[in-house]
N, C-alpha and C. Protein backbone atom coordinates (compact mmCIF):
# COMPACT_ATOMS: atom_id res chain seq x y z
N MET A 1 229.60 17.13 299.11
CA MET A 1 229.45 18.42 299.00
C MET A 1 228.10 18.88 299.85
N ILE A 2 228.63 19.37 301.13
CA ILE A 2 227.54 20.04 302.41
C ILE A 2 228.12 21.75 301.75
N LYS A 3 226.90 21.85 301.81
CA LYS A 3 226.41 23.95 301.82
C LYS A 3 225.43 24.09 302.54
N LEU A 4 226.01 25.09 303.50
CA LEU A 4 225.24 25.91 304.45
C LEU A 4 224.58 26.44 303.61
N LEU A 5 223.21 26.21 303.92
CA LEU A 5 222.37 27.65 302.90
C LEU A 5 221.56 28.80 303.50
N GLY A 6 221.62 28.63 304.59
CA GLY A 6 221.29 30.00 306.21
C GLY A 6 219.97 29.82 306.40
N ASN A 7 219.17 30.16 307.31
CA ASN A 7 217.74 30.31 308.08
C ASN A 7 217.75 28.10 307.80
N HIS A 8 218.48 27.65 308.18
CA HIS A 8 218.75 25.77 308.62
C HIS A 8 218.71 25.04 307.90
N GLN A 9 218.95 25.63 306.58
CA GLN A 9 218.45 24.70 305.61
C GLN A 9 220.22 24.43 305.03
N ILE A 10 220.16 23.24 304.47
CA ILE A 10 221.58 22.99 303.94
C ILE A 10 220.92 22.27 302.40
N LEU A 11 222.11 22.59 301.88
CA LEU A 11 222.95 21.80 300.62
C LEU A 11 223.30 20.28 300.42
N THR A 12 223.21 19.08 299.85
CA THR A 12 224.30 18.35 299.67
C THR A 12 224.32 17.62 298.70
N SER A 13 225.05 17.17 298.14
CA SER A 13 224.73 16.62 296.87
C SER A 13 226.27 15.10 296.06
N ASN A 14 225.43 14.61 295.83
CA ASN A 14 227.52 13.89 295.50
C ASN A 14 227.19 13.02 293.30
N LYS A 15 228.21 12.47 293.07
CA LYS A 15 227.79 12.31 291.90
C LYS A 15 226.67 12.07 291.49
N HIS A 16 225.62 11.54 292.21
CA HIS A 16 224.51 11.17 291.92
C HIS A 16 223.43 11.64 291.95
N GLY A 17 222.89 13.31 293.12
CA GLY A 17 222.21 14.21 292.71
C GLY A 17 222.50 15.36 293.91
N LYS A 18 221.75 15.99 294.77
CA LYS A 18 221.44 16.91 295.30
C LYS A 18 220.52 16.52 296.11
N VAL A 19 220.78 17.56 297.13
CA VAL A 19 219.36 17.33 298.44
C VAL A 19 219.20 18.69 299.12
N ARG A 20 218.20 19.35 299.27
CA ARG A 20 218.24 20.65 299.76
C ARG A 20 217.40 20.37 300.79
N LEU A 21 217.97 20.07 302.49
CA LEU A 21 217.42 20.19 303.52
C LEU A 21 217.07 20.90 304.39
N ASN A 22 216.29 20.99 304.43
CA ASN A 22 215.05 21.61 305.57
C ASN A 22 215.14 21.45 307.48
N PHE A 23 215.78 21.81 307.71
CA PHE A 23 215.52 21.88 309.90
C PHE A 23 214.75 23.00 309.79
N LEU A 24 214.06 24.08 309.56
CA LEU A 24 213.53 25.08 310.34
C LEU A 24 211.87 24.11 310.47
N PRO A 25 210.89 23.83 309.97
CA PRO A 25 209.80 23.39 310.17
C PRO A 25 209.96 22.39 311.23
N LEU A 26 211.43 21.90 311.81
CA LEU A 26 211.14 20.54 312.57
C LEU A 26 211.51 21.27 313.54
N LEU A 27 212.37 22.48 313.98
CA LEU A 27 213.00 23.39 315.13
C LEU A 27 211.99 23.85 315.44
N ASP A 28 211.16 24.54 314.64
CA ASP A 28 209.92 25.18 315.01
C ASP A 28 208.43 24.37 316.22
N SER A 29 208.67 23.45 315.85
CA SER A 29 207.85 21.91 315.99
C SER A 29 208.68 21.59 317.26
N PHE A 30 209.44 21.38 317.31
CA PHE A 30 210.19 20.88 318.71
C PHE A 30 210.31 22.23 319.68
N TYR A 31 210.74 23.56 319.11
CA TYR A 31 210.74 24.63 320.33
C TYR A 31 209.29 24.49 320.77
N THR A 32 208.48 24.95 319.97
CA THR A 32 206.86 24.37 320.32
C THR A 32 206.59 23.61 322.03
N LYS A 33 206.82 22.65 321.03
CA LYS A 33 206.96 21.23 322.33
C LYS A 33 207.99 21.18 323.73
N HIS A 34 208.84 21.79 323.08
CA HIS A 34 209.72 21.86 324.57
C HIS A 34 210.52 22.82 324.54
N GLY A 35 209.84 23.80 324.05
CA GLY A 35 210.65 24.97 324.84
C GLY A 35 212.12 25.33 324.78
N GLU A 36 212.12 26.48 326.48
CA GLU A 36 213.68 26.48 326.70
C GLU A 36 213.91 25.31 327.30
N SER A 37 213.63 23.81 327.43
CA SER A 37 213.56 23.19 328.41
C SER A 37 215.42 21.96 328.14
N ILE A 38 215.37 22.27 326.82
CA ILE A 38 216.52 21.51 326.27
C ILE A 38 216.95 23.41 325.70
N THR A 39 218.36 23.24 326.00
CA THR A 39 218.67 24.42 325.92
C THR A 39 220.24 24.18 324.88
N HIS A 40 220.79 22.88 324.76
CA HIS A 40 221.54 21.82 323.57
C HIS A 40 221.47 21.11 322.79
N PHE A 41 221.01 20.94 321.55
CA PHE A 41 220.41 19.53 321.33
C PHE A 41 220.77 18.84 319.49
N LEU A 42 221.12 18.17 318.61
CA LEU A 42 221.67 17.18 317.75
C LEU A 42 220.03 16.69 316.94
N PHE A 43 219.72 17.05 316.03
CA PHE A 43 219.60 16.35 314.72
C PHE A 43 220.19 15.26 314.46
N ALA A 44 219.29 13.84 314.26
CA ALA A 44 220.57 12.82 313.40
C ALA A 44 219.15 12.00 312.79
N HIS A 45 220.06 12.17 311.40
CA HIS A 45 219.03 11.58 310.52
C HIS A 45 219.78 10.75 309.45
N TRP A 46 219.15 10.05 307.96
CA TRP A 46 219.93 9.36 307.00
C TRP A 46 219.84 10.65 305.44
N ASN A 47 221.33 10.78 305.50
CA ASN A 47 220.88 11.44 304.70
C ASN A 47 221.25 10.40 302.42
N LYS A 48 219.86 10.88 302.20
CA LYS A 48 219.80 9.28 301.40
C LYS A 48 220.58 9.96 299.80
N ILE A 49 220.89 11.19 299.86
CA ILE A 49 222.06 11.54 298.97
C ILE A 49 223.15 11.18 298.93
N LEU A 50 223.46 11.02 299.95
CA LEU A 50 225.44 10.87 300.88
C LEU A 50 225.57 9.33 301.22
N GLU A 51 223.91 9.07 301.76
CA GLU A 51 224.42 7.61 302.02
C GLU A 51 224.72 7.14 303.08
N LEU A 52 224.82 8.28 304.13
CA LEU A 52 225.33 8.55 305.25
C LEU A 52 224.65 8.92 306.62
N PRO A 53 224.79 8.93 308.26
CA PRO A 53 224.26 9.00 309.12
C PRO A 53 224.08 10.53 308.96
N ALA A 54 224.15 11.70 309.64
CA ALA A 54 224.39 12.64 309.58
C ALA A 54 223.50 13.31 311.06
N TYR A 55 224.18 14.81 311.66
CA TYR A 55 223.92 15.30 312.18
C TYR A 55 223.54 17.26 311.73
N TYR A 56 222.89 17.26 312.66
CA TYR A 56 222.90 19.11 312.48
C TYR A 56 222.72 19.50 313.68
N ASP A 57 223.57 20.74 314.24
CA ASP A 57 223.40 21.44 314.94
C ASP A 57 222.94 22.38 314.78
N PRO A 58 221.88 22.80 315.99
CA PRO A 58 220.54 24.15 314.60
C PRO A 58 221.57 25.14 315.88
N ILE A 59 222.16 25.04 316.97
CA ILE A 59 222.77 26.18 317.66
C ILE A 59 223.98 26.68 316.97
N THR A 60 225.11 25.24 317.07
CA THR A 60 225.92 26.47 316.12
C THR A 60 226.01 26.59 314.44
N GLU A 61 224.66 25.74 314.06
CA GLU A 61 224.47 25.87 313.02
C GLU A 61 225.40 25.04 311.78
N ARG A 62 225.80 23.34 312.05
CA ARG A 62 226.44 22.78 311.38
C ARG A 62 226.41 21.81 311.19
N TYR A 63 226.65 21.13 309.86
CA TYR A 63 226.26 19.90 309.77
C TYR A 63 227.43 19.33 309.72
N PHE A 64 227.47 17.82 310.37
CA PHE A 64 228.19 17.40 309.88
C PHE A 64 227.67 15.16 309.04
N ALA A 65 227.89 14.78 308.28
CA ALA A 65 227.91 13.22 307.92
C ALA A 65 229.40 12.53 307.48
N ALA A 66 229.01 11.21 308.11
CA ALA A 66 230.47 10.63 308.15
C ALA A 66 230.18 8.76 308.23
N PRO A 67 230.66 8.02 307.53
CA PRO A 67 230.11 6.75 307.33
C PRO A 67 230.19 6.31 309.15
N GLU A 68 229.12 5.46 309.52
CA GLU A 68 228.90 4.57 310.30
C GLU A 68 230.34 4.02 311.17
N SER A 69 231.07 3.67 310.64
CA SER A 69 232.50 2.78 311.21
C SER A 69 233.34 4.41 311.87
N GLN A 70 233.05 5.84 311.34
CA GLN A 70 233.70 7.13 311.93
C GLN A 70 233.23 7.72 312.68
N ILE A 71 231.50 7.36 313.03
CA ILE A 71 231.30 7.70 314.26
C ILE A 71 231.37 6.89 315.80
N GLN A 72 231.65 7.66 316.80
CA GLN A 72 231.40 7.28 318.01
C GLN A 72 230.10 8.55 318.95
N ILE A 73 229.37 7.71 319.80
CA ILE A 73 228.52 7.76 319.93
C ILE A 73 228.37 7.89 321.26
N VAL A 74 228.77 9.05 322.17
CA VAL A 74 229.05 8.54 323.74
C VAL A 74 228.01 8.77 324.35
N ALA A 75 226.85 9.54 323.52
CA ALA A 75 226.12 10.60 324.40
C ALA A 75 224.87 9.30 323.78
N THR A 76 224.35 8.87 325.10
CA THR A 76 222.83 7.68 324.08
C THR A 76 221.69 8.29 324.22
N ASP A 77 221.15 8.95 325.10
CA ASP A 77 219.80 9.57 324.99
C ASP A 77 219.47 10.03 323.78
N HIS A 78 218.09 9.47 323.64
CA HIS A 78 218.32 10.08 322.12
C HIS A 78 216.17 9.69 322.45
N PHE A 79 215.68 10.51 321.07
CA PHE A 79 214.24 10.22 321.51
C PHE A 79 213.75 10.86 319.85
N TRP A 80 212.64 10.32 319.47
CA TRP A 80 212.46 10.89 318.05
C TRP A 80 211.61 12.05 317.76
N GLU A 81 212.18 12.97 317.37
CA GLU A 81 210.90 14.20 316.98
C GLU A 81 210.35 14.10 315.64
N GLY A 82 209.14 14.88 315.03
CA GLY A 82 208.85 14.55 313.75
C GLY A 82 208.00 15.89 313.36
N VAL A 83 207.91 16.00 312.19
CA VAL A 83 206.62 16.79 311.89
C VAL A 83 205.89 16.83 310.51
N GLN A 84 205.05 17.15 310.27
CA GLN A 84 204.16 16.96 309.40
C GLN A 84 205.32 17.55 308.26
N ARG A 85 204.98 17.11 307.12
CA ARG A 85 205.91 18.14 305.90
C ARG A 85 204.18 18.86 305.58
N VAL A 86 205.11 20.12 305.20
CA VAL A 86 204.53 20.68 304.64
C VAL A 86 204.36 21.32 303.24
N ASP A 87 203.35 21.47 301.78
CA ASP A 87 203.46 21.58 300.70
C ASP A 87 205.23 21.03 300.13
N GLY A 88 205.21 19.96 300.43
CA GLY A 88 206.22 19.28 299.77
C GLY A 88 207.79 19.75 299.91
N SER A 89 207.58 20.77 301.64
CA SER A 89 208.73 20.62 302.45
C SER A 89 210.06 19.50 301.70
N PRO A 90 211.17 19.75 301.78
CA PRO A 90 212.25 19.27 301.85
C PRO A 90 212.46 18.56 303.34
N LEU A 91 212.99 17.03 302.68
CA LEU A 91 213.04 16.34 303.89
C LEU A 91 214.58 17.38 304.88
N PRO A 92 215.02 16.68 306.06
CA PRO A 92 214.27 15.87 306.71
C PRO A 92 212.26 16.14 307.34
N SER A 93 211.73 15.18 307.44
CA SER A 93 210.42 15.43 309.05
C SER A 93 210.19 14.99 309.84
N SER A 94 210.99 14.24 310.27
CA SER A 94 211.57 13.68 311.13
C SER A 94 213.45 13.35 311.31
N CYS A 95 213.09 13.78 312.26
CA CYS A 95 215.16 13.03 312.47
C CYS A 95 214.87 12.21 314.56
N LEU A 96 215.62 11.55 315.04
CA LEU A 96 216.75 11.77 316.65
C LEU A 96 216.96 12.61 316.91
N VAL A 97 216.10 13.35 318.33
CA VAL A 97 217.20 14.32 318.98
C VAL A 97 218.18 13.76 319.61
N TYR A 98 219.42 13.88 319.97
CA TYR A 98 220.56 13.65 320.87
C TYR A 98 220.53 15.15 321.91
N PRO A 99 219.34 15.20 322.97
CA PRO A 99 219.49 16.17 324.23
C PRO A 99 220.80 16.41 324.60
N ASN A 100 220.53 17.68 324.80
CA ASN A 100 222.76 17.68 325.63
C ASN A 100 223.42 16.82 325.50
N ALA A 101 223.56 17.10 323.62
CA ALA A 101 224.99 16.36 322.91
C ALA A 101 225.33 17.26 321.83
N THR A 102 226.46 16.92 321.64
CA THR A 102 227.14 18.04 320.30
C THR A 102 228.71 17.34 319.68
N ALA A 103 228.20 17.47 318.49
CA ALA A 103 229.09 16.55 317.40
C ALA A 103 230.95 17.03 317.15
N GLU A 104 231.60 16.14 317.24
CA GLU A 104 232.93 17.26 316.96
C GLU A 104 233.83 16.21 316.17
N TRP A 105 235.00 16.39 315.24
CA TRP A 105 235.46 15.87 314.19
C TRP A 105 236.53 15.63 315.37
N ILE A 106 237.25 14.78 315.96
CA ILE A 106 238.37 14.24 317.05
C ILE A 106 239.28 12.93 316.09
N ASP A 107 240.33 13.91 315.22
CA ASP A 107 240.98 12.74 313.96
C ASP A 107 239.79 12.93 313.28
N ARG A 108 239.86 11.43 312.71
CA ARG A 108 238.49 10.89 312.00
C ARG A 108 237.74 10.35 312.25
N THR A 109 237.08 10.90 313.46
CA THR A 109 235.99 9.92 313.56
C THR A 109 235.24 11.36 314.07
N LEU A 110 233.76 11.41 314.28
CA LEU A 110 233.03 12.33 314.12
C LEU A 110 232.15 11.98 315.79
N VAL A 111 232.76 12.59 316.92
CA VAL A 111 232.23 12.45 318.09
C VAL A 111 230.97 12.78 318.60
N ILE A 112 229.62 11.78 318.76
CA ILE A 112 229.10 13.03 319.29
C ILE A 112 229.09 12.27 321.30
N ASP A 113 228.91 13.55 321.06
CA ASP A 113 229.30 14.13 323.23
C ASP A 113 228.19 14.23 324.50
N LYS A 114 228.52 14.66 325.11
CA LYS A 114 227.68 15.41 326.10
C LYS A 114 227.65 16.82 326.03
N ALA A 115 227.03 17.34 325.90
CA ALA A 115 227.55 18.88 325.58
C ALA A 115 227.90 19.45 326.99
């Protein structure tokens, strides 16, 4: 289950539990460092509950998760972005960033391609 809570927060769960992800501190840090130099990007991380790679698009506020066998990464440029977790802020505190990339389901494959 994936539920968007608004304000760049996501709730994910499976039969083993649930976790709330808060991308806002990471997003704030990203814009402080990069300003408007990168207009579109994806955050990529490992979702511990779903046990899958997952991607968050802060521009469209869409969240994607899929097994590695169902992911095709065409846009290979990426870098690490991290922020110190404050007051037990929910994960993630760091992610890979795919600049100028989008995520889209094509058939049963999650394609990470250039924007």
